Amino acid sequence: MHSEYGDIKIFAGSAGMSFAKKMCKYLGAELGKSEVIHFSDGNIFIRILETVRDKDVYIVQPIGLDPNNELVELLFWLDSFRRASASSITAIVPYFGYAKGDKKDEPRVSIRARVCADCIELEGADRFITMDLHSPQVQGFFKIPSDHLYSLPVLCEYVKGLDIMEDLVVVSPDAGFAKNARKYADYLGTPVAIGDKTRTGHDENAKILEIIGNVEGKNCLIVDDFTISGGTLVDIANGLKAKGAKRIGACLGHNMLREKGVKKIDDSILEFVISTDTVENHFIQESKKMITVSVAPLFAEAVQRIHERVAVSDLFEDLPKKVIDSLMD
């Protein structure tokens, strides 16, 4: 790392090791030295193995496939850095799983995202960086500065290199994601179609009722912020095929599929599922349909800009060429 960034220190939690290493590679930095010990009784022990006094510290820890343990570990990291006299502490949470709990829409339930935000602030985070929140208003749960990054430009640049662009239609799985789907369509220069999806319970099952828009004879790209079961993607792909669509793929901000969901995708008519590496998901590694695009360079750019006291928002108006070039690595 250049000397002007010498007081930046990036550390990795158990769930963020691969992502943090990619960030460090992009910045030319060395990963901070630390260790995590998981005891047989389930307890977690954190130790920082170098001085961080008066350093700007960044801890990378998604809250993803093992959210409860990953959240607790993140809190221990924050406490450790605060007690070690770090100058500033930034929590980099590429996937903030509890963001889905963003409202009290029925009696006697917790607003889980707010609880997590309070805990993260209480343990000493000075800044919070994440990507593709399920609901953007979750940013308002934090009193500290929070940066909400978007995977859209990185994913769209990757899609532009595929041979599916001719006669392409961007498809939203439901009306709720239609506004974001329009942003994908504007970036790619395509029309939009919308799936009419309903969900009756707190399970992972939804039903596609209708496709709104012309998809006959078109290639279709289903876009969504994340998937857990893969059911919605498969259902809407079947609906698109029934409406005469040709090739069908999907593009996701986060990929939370496990074995059952991966098999569901592999056995479906979906040609591919593109997603980011915000969660290190070993369940998808053997699937030939899964394509992972790294957004670690985008986070690294955000860290560099925060350190240089320049606007992070410029990242979305003009994606740096270095980030685009990293897609080819």
Protein backbone atom coordinates (compact mmCIF):
# COMPACT_ATOMS: atom_id res chain seq x y z
CA MET A 1 0.00 0.00 0.00
CA HIS A 2 1.25 3.50 -0.77
CA SER A 3 2.69 5.38 2.16
CA GLU A 4 -0.26 7.80 2.26
CA TYR A 5 -2.45 4.83 3.18
CA GLY A 6 -0.07 3.50 5.81
CA ASP A 7 -2.47 4.13 8.67
CA ILE A 8 -5.27 2.07 7.06
CA LYS A 9 -5.52 -1.43 8.51
CA ILE A 10 -7.91 -4.01 7.06
CA PHE A 11 -8.75 -7.03 9.21
CA ALA A 12 -10.91 -10.05 8.44
CA GLY A 13 -13.46 -11.87 10.53
CA SER A 14 -14.07 -15.59 10.09
CA ALA A 15 -16.68 -15.01 7.36
CA GLY A 16 -14.78 -12.22 5.60
CA MET A 17 -11.29 -13.63 5.08
CA SER A 18 -11.48 -14.20 1.32
CA PHE A 19 -13.24 -10.89 0.70
CA ALA A 20 -10.75 -8.93 2.82
CA LYS A 21 -7.80 -10.51 1.00
CA LYS A 22 -9.25 -9.38 -2.33
CA MET A 23 -9.64 -5.86 -0.98
CA CYS A 24 -6.05 -5.84 0.21
CA LYS A 25 -4.82 -7.11 -3.15
CA TYR A 26 -6.65 -4.29 -4.92
CA LEU A 27 -5.19 -1.67 -2.55
CA GLY A 28 -1.72 -3.19 -2.36
CA ALA A 29 -2.12 -3.67 1.39
CA GLU A 30 -1.26 -6.39 3.86
CA LEU A 31 -4.09 -8.02 5.77
CA GLY A 32 -4.04 -7.21 9.48
CA LYS A 33 -2.71 -9.98 11.74
CA SER A 34 -5.28 -11.53 14.05
CA GLU A 35 -6.78 -14.81 15.16
CA VAL A 36 -10.21 -16.21 15.96
CA ILE A 37 -10.66 -19.27 18.17
CA HIS A 38 -13.96 -21.16 18.32
CA PHE A 39 -14.13 -23.20 21.51
CA SER A 40 -15.97 -26.53 21.72
CA ASP A 41 -18.70 -24.98 23.87
CA GLY A 42 -19.51 -22.46 21.11
CA ASN A 43 -17.68 -19.47 22.60
CA ILE A 44 -15.67 -17.20 20.29
CA PHE A 45 -12.29 -15.65 21.19
CA ILE A 46 -10.81 -12.70 19.26
CA ARG A 47 -7.19 -11.53 19.38
CA ILE A 48 -5.49 -8.73 17.42
CA LEU A 49 -1.85 -9.65 16.78
CA GLU A 50 -0.46 -6.19 15.96
CA THR A 51 -0.82 -2.66 17.25
CA VAL A 52 -3.72 -0.60 15.95
CA ARG A 53 -3.25 2.45 18.17
CA ASP A 54 -4.17 5.60 16.23
CA LYS A 55 -4.89 3.55 13.08
CA ASP A 56 -7.98 3.71 10.86
CA VAL A 57 -9.24 0.15 11.18
CA TYR A 58 -11.59 -1.70 8.81
CA ILE A 59 -13.06 -5.04 9.86
CA VAL A 60 -14.66 -7.19 7.13
CA GLN A 61 -17.37 -9.54 8.38
CA PRO A 62 -20.52 -10.44 6.41
CA ILE A 63 -23.58 -11.43 8.43
CA GLY A 64 -24.67 -14.21 6.13
CA LEU A 65 -24.84 -17.99 6.23
CA ASP A 66 -24.27 -18.20 10.01
CA PRO A 67 -25.77 -14.86 11.02
CA ASN A 68 -25.94 -15.20 14.79
CA ASN A 69 -22.33 -16.30 15.27
CA GLU A 70 -21.12 -13.84 12.63
CA LEU A 71 -22.89 -10.92 14.31
CA VAL A 72 -21.51 -11.80 17.76
CA GLU A 73 -18.01 -12.16 16.33
CA LEU A 74 -18.31 -8.74 14.67
CA LEU A 75 -19.26 -7.20 18.02
CA PHE A 76 -16.21 -8.77 19.67
CA TRP A 77 -14.00 -7.36 16.90
CA LEU A 78 -15.39 -3.86 17.42
CA ASP A 79 -14.87 -4.09 21.18
CA SER A 80 -11.30 -5.32 20.70
CA PHE A 81 -10.35 -2.47 18.37
CA ARG A 82 -11.95 0.12 20.63
CA ARG A 83 -10.04 -1.19 23.65
CA ALA A 84 -6.83 -1.23 21.56
CA SER A 85 -7.17 2.54 20.93
CA ALA A 86 -7.82 2.48 17.19
CA SER A 87 -8.31 5.98 15.77
CA SER A 88 -11.45 4.97 13.90
CA ILE A 89 -13.30 1.69 13.36
CA THR A 90 -15.30 0.92 10.23
CA ALA A 91 -17.50 -2.17 10.07
CA ILE A 92 -17.56 -3.54 6.53
CA VAL A 93 -20.52 -5.89 6.31
CA PRO A 94 -20.87 -6.82 2.62
CA TYR A 95 -24.08 -8.72 3.37
CA PHE A 96 -26.21 -7.52 6.30
CA GLY A 97 -28.56 -10.47 6.68
CA TYR A 98 -30.73 -8.99 9.41
CA ALA A 99 -31.60 -6.03 7.16
CA LYS A 100 -34.70 -8.03 6.19
CA GLY A 101 -36.09 -7.34 9.68
CA ASP A 102 -36.65 -3.66 8.93
CA LYS A 103 -40.18 -3.00 10.22
CA LYS A 104 -42.84 -3.94 12.75
CA ASP A 105 -45.60 -4.99 10.38
CA GLU A 106 -47.41 -7.25 12.85
CA PRO A 107 -47.88 -7.32 16.65
CA ARG A 108 -45.19 -8.48 19.09
CA VAL A 109 -42.23 -8.78 16.69
CA SER A 110 -38.72 -7.37 16.88
CA ILE A 111 -37.28 -4.86 14.41
CA ARG A 112 -34.16 -6.99 14.10
CA ALA A 113 -32.17 -4.68 11.85
CA ARG A 114 -32.51 -1.88 14.40
CA VAL A 115 -31.34 -4.15 17.23
CA CYS A 116 -28.24 -5.07 15.21
CA ALA A 117 -27.55 -1.44 14.32
CA ASP A 118 -27.75 -0.42 17.99
CA CYS A 119 -25.34 -3.20 18.98
CA ILE A 120 -22.83 -2.30 16.26
CA GLU A 121 -22.84 1.35 17.32
CA LEU A 122 -22.66 0.52 21.02
CA GLU A 123 -19.53 -1.60 20.55
CA GLY A 124 -17.63 1.23 18.92
CA ALA A 125 -18.15 1.31 15.14
CA ASP A 126 -17.58 4.81 13.76
CA ARG A 127 -18.80 3.95 10.27
CA PHE A 128 -20.76 1.18 8.56
CA ILE A 129 -20.36 0.00 4.95
CA THR A 130 -22.64 -2.54 3.32
CA MET A 131 -24.12 -3.49 -0.05
CA ASP A 132 -27.60 -3.96 -1.53
CA LEU A 133 -29.70 -3.63 1.60
CA HIS A 134 -33.07 -5.34 1.37
CA SER A 135 -34.57 -1.96 2.34
CA PRO A 136 -32.54 1.25 1.91
CA GLN A 137 -34.22 2.81 4.96
CA VAL A 138 -32.12 0.51 7.17
CA GLN A 139 -29.40 3.14 6.77
CA GLY A 140 -31.56 5.35 8.97
CA PHE A 141 -31.24 2.88 11.85
CA PHE A 142 -27.61 3.99 12.26
CA LYS A 143 -26.62 7.28 13.88
CA ILE A 144 -23.08 6.83 12.58
CA PRO A 145 -22.22 7.47 8.90
CA SER A 146 -23.25 4.54 6.72
CA ASP A 147 -22.34 3.87 3.10
CA HIS A 148 -24.74 1.80 1.03
CA LEU A 149 -22.92 0.38 -2.00
CA TYR A 150 -24.66 -1.10 -5.04
CA SER A 151 -23.63 -4.19 -6.98
CA LEU A 152 -25.64 -3.09 -10.03
CA PRO A 153 -22.83 -1.38 -12.01
CA VAL A 154 -20.42 -4.27 -11.45
CA LEU A 155 -23.00 -6.91 -12.34
CA CYS A 156 -24.19 -4.97 -15.40
CA GLU A 157 -20.64 -4.55 -16.69
CA TYR A 158 -20.24 -8.32 -16.42
CA VAL A 159 -23.57 -8.97 -18.18
CA LYS A 160 -22.50 -6.68 -21.04
CA GLY A 161 -19.75 -9.18 -21.83
CA LEU A 162 -22.19 -12.09 -22.25
CA ASP A 163 -23.86 -13.18 -25.49
CA ILE A 164 -27.35 -12.71 -24.04
CA MET A 165 -27.57 -8.95 -24.68
CA GLU A 166 -29.45 -9.20 -28.00
CA ASP A 167 -33.22 -8.86 -27.46
CA LEU A 168 -32.67 -8.78 -23.70
CA VAL A 169 -35.47 -7.97 -21.22
CA VAL A 170 -34.77 -7.30 -17.54
CA VAL A 171 -37.33 -9.03 -15.33
CA SER A 172 -38.28 -8.07 -11.78
CA PRO A 173 -39.59 -11.00 -9.69
CA ASP A 174 -42.25 -8.75 -8.11
CA ALA A 175 -43.57 -5.21 -8.02
CA GLY A 176 -41.45 -4.44 -4.95
CA PHE A 177 -38.18 -4.79 -6.88
CA ALA A 178 -39.49 -3.10 -10.05
CA LYS A 179 -37.81 0.24 -9.31
CA ASN A 180 -34.42 -1.45 -8.97
CA ALA A 181 -35.09 -3.56 -12.07
CA ARG A 182 -35.65 -0.32 -14.00
CA LYS A 183 -32.16 0.82 -12.94
CA TYR A 184 -30.70 -2.41 -14.35
CA ALA A 185 -32.68 -1.89 -17.55
CA ASP A 186 -31.54 1.72 -17.89
CA TYR A 187 -27.91 0.68 -17.41
CA LEU A 188 -28.20 -2.12 -19.98
CA GLY A 189 -30.53 -0.27 -22.35
CA THR A 190 -33.36 -2.83 -22.24
CA PRO A 191 -37.11 -2.97 -21.51
CA VAL A 192 -38.55 -4.30 -18.23
CA ALA A 193 -41.05 -7.03 -17.34
CA ILE A 194 -42.50 -7.71 -13.88
CA GLY A 195 -43.57 -10.91 -12.16
CA ASP A 196 -46.67 -10.73 -9.99
CA LYS A 197 -45.52 -12.63 -6.89
CA THR A 198 -47.38 -13.25 -3.64
CA ARG A 199 -46.10 -14.59 -0.32
CA THR A 200 -48.57 -15.61 2.37
CA GLY A 201 -46.30 -16.58 5.28
CA HIS A 202 -42.81 -16.22 6.77
CA ASP A 203 -41.52 -19.24 4.85
CA GLU A 204 -39.37 -19.08 1.74
CA ASN A 205 -42.18 -20.01 -0.64
CA ALA A 206 -43.78 -17.56 -3.04
CA LYS A 207 -46.12 -18.02 -5.97
CA ILE A 208 -45.73 -16.31 -9.35
CA LEU A 209 -49.18 -15.40 -10.61
CA GLU A 210 -48.53 -13.52 -13.85
CA ILE A 211 -45.84 -11.92 -16.03
CA ILE A 212 -46.46 -8.26 -16.88
CA GLY A 213 -44.66 -7.24 -20.07
CA ASN A 214 -43.66 -8.68 -23.43
CA VAL A 215 -41.10 -11.48 -23.18
CA GLU A 216 -42.05 -13.61 -26.19
CA GLY A 217 -38.99 -14.38 -28.27
CA LYS A 218 -36.77 -12.43 -25.87
CA ASN A 219 -33.77 -13.30 -23.75
CA CYS A 220 -34.60 -12.63 -20.08
CA LEU A 221 -32.45 -11.57 -17.14
CA ILE A 222 -34.21 -11.93 -13.77
CA VAL A 223 -32.77 -9.47 -11.23
CA ASP A 224 -33.18 -9.52 -7.44
CA ASP A 225 -31.28 -8.47 -4.32
CA PHE A 226 -30.80 -12.03 -3.01
CA THR A 227 -32.14 -15.57 -3.01
CA ILE A 228 -32.37 -18.05 -0.14
CA SER A 229 -34.27 -21.03 -1.58
CA GLY A 230 -34.13 -20.37 -5.34
CA GLY A 231 -37.86 -21.03 -5.55
CA THR A 232 -38.87 -17.61 -6.84
CA LEU A 233 -36.18 -17.64 -9.53
CA VAL A 234 -37.26 -21.07 -10.78
CA ASP A 235 -40.97 -20.20 -10.69
CA ILE A 236 -40.55 -16.98 -12.62
CA ALA A 237 -38.22 -18.69 -15.12
CA ASN A 238 -40.94 -21.26 -15.76
CA GLY A 239 -43.47 -18.45 -16.16
CA LEU A 240 -41.22 -16.67 -18.64
CA LYS A 241 -40.70 -19.84 -20.67
CA ALA A 242 -44.46 -20.37 -20.77
CA LYS A 243 -44.77 -16.86 -22.20
CA GLY A 244 -42.36 -17.71 -25.02
CA ALA A 245 -39.04 -16.43 -23.63
CA LYS A 246 -35.84 -17.83 -25.16
CA ARG A 247 -32.75 -17.88 -22.93
CA ILE A 248 -33.27 -17.14 -19.23
CA GLY A 249 -30.69 -16.22 -16.59
CA ALA A 250 -30.62 -14.42 -13.26
CA CYS A 251 -28.53 -11.74 -11.57
CA LEU A 252 -28.36 -11.33 -7.77
CA GLY A 253 -26.75 -8.96 -5.32
CA HIS A 254 -26.23 -11.78 -2.79
CA ASN A 255 -26.37 -15.56 -3.09
CA MET A 256 -27.59 -17.38 0.03
CA LEU A 257 -28.42 -20.73 -1.56
CA ARG A 258 -27.71 -23.98 0.27
CA GLU A 259 -27.63 -27.53 -1.12
CA LYS A 260 -31.37 -27.86 -1.74
CA GLY A 261 -31.60 -24.49 -3.44
CA VAL A 262 -28.53 -25.12 -5.60
CA LYS A 263 -30.02 -28.41 -6.80
CA LYS A 264 -33.28 -26.64 -7.57
CA ILE A 265 -31.41 -24.16 -9.77
CA ASP A 266 -29.27 -26.85 -11.40
CA ASP A 267 -32.40 -28.85 -12.31
CA SER A 268 -34.23 -25.78 -13.66
CA ILE A 269 -34.40 -24.12 -17.07
CA LEU A 270 -32.25 -21.25 -15.80
CA GLU A 271 -29.09 -21.02 -17.87
CA PHE A 272 -27.01 -19.21 -15.26
CA VAL A 273 -27.18 -17.30 -11.96
CA ILE A 274 -24.72 -14.43 -11.60
CA SER A 275 -24.10 -13.19 -8.06
CA THR A 276 -21.48 -11.34 -6.04
CA ASP A 277 -19.02 -12.64 -3.45
CA THR A 278 -20.49 -10.65 -0.54
CA VAL A 279 -21.00 -14.03 1.14
CA GLU A 280 -18.37 -16.76 0.77
CA ASN A 281 -20.83 -19.50 -0.17
CA HIS A 282 -19.20 -22.92 -0.49
CA PHE A 283 -22.55 -24.48 -1.37
CA ILE A 284 -22.51 -22.96 -4.86
CA GLN A 285 -18.91 -23.76 -5.78
CA GLU A 286 -19.60 -27.05 -7.57
CA SER A 287 -22.56 -25.79 -9.58
CA LYS A 288 -21.84 -25.14 -13.26
CA LYS A 289 -24.68 -22.62 -13.41
CA MET A 290 -23.36 -20.33 -10.68
CA ILE A 291 -21.16 -17.39 -11.70
CA THR A 292 -19.55 -15.30 -8.97
CA VAL A 293 -18.39 -11.74 -9.64
CA SER A 294 -16.25 -10.01 -7.02
CA VAL A 295 -17.32 -6.65 -5.59
CA ALA A 296 -14.32 -6.51 -3.24
CA PRO A 297 -12.61 -3.96 -5.55
CA LEU A 298 -15.66 -1.71 -5.21
CA PHE A 299 -15.43 -1.88 -1.41
CA ALA A 300 -11.69 -1.23 -1.64
CA GLU A 301 -12.37 1.87 -3.73
CA ALA A 302 -14.88 3.04 -1.11
CA VAL A 303 -12.29 2.58 1.66
CA GLN A 304 -9.70 4.53 -0.33
CA ARG A 305 -12.15 7.38 -0.98
CA ILE A 306 -13.27 7.52 2.65
CA HIS A 307 -9.61 7.75 3.69
CA GLU A 308 -8.95 10.51 1.15
CA ARG A 309 -12.08 12.40 2.28
CA VAL A 310 -13.69 12.34 -1.18
CA ALA A 311 -17.24 11.42 -2.17
CA VAL A 312 -18.11 7.72 -2.26
CA SER A 313 -21.23 8.44 -4.33
CA ASP A 314 -19.07 9.14 -7.39
CA LEU A 315 -18.45 5.40 -7.58
CA PHE A 316 -21.95 4.89 -8.95
CA GLU A 317 -21.85 7.70 -11.47
CA ASP A 318 -18.62 6.53 -13.09
CA LEU A 319 -17.35 3.07 -12.17
CA PRO A 320 -13.54 3.23 -12.10
CA LYS A 321 -11.83 1.47 -15.00
CA LYS A 322 -9.67 -0.42 -12.52
CA VAL A 323 -12.81 -1.96 -11.02
CA ILE A 324 -14.14 -2.92 -14.47
CA ASP A 325 -10.77 -4.43 -15.41
CA SER A 326 -10.82 -6.51 -12.23
CA LEU A 327 -13.89 -8.36 -13.58
CA MET A 328 -11.63 -9.96 -16.16
CA ASP A 329 -9.18 -11.32 -13.55
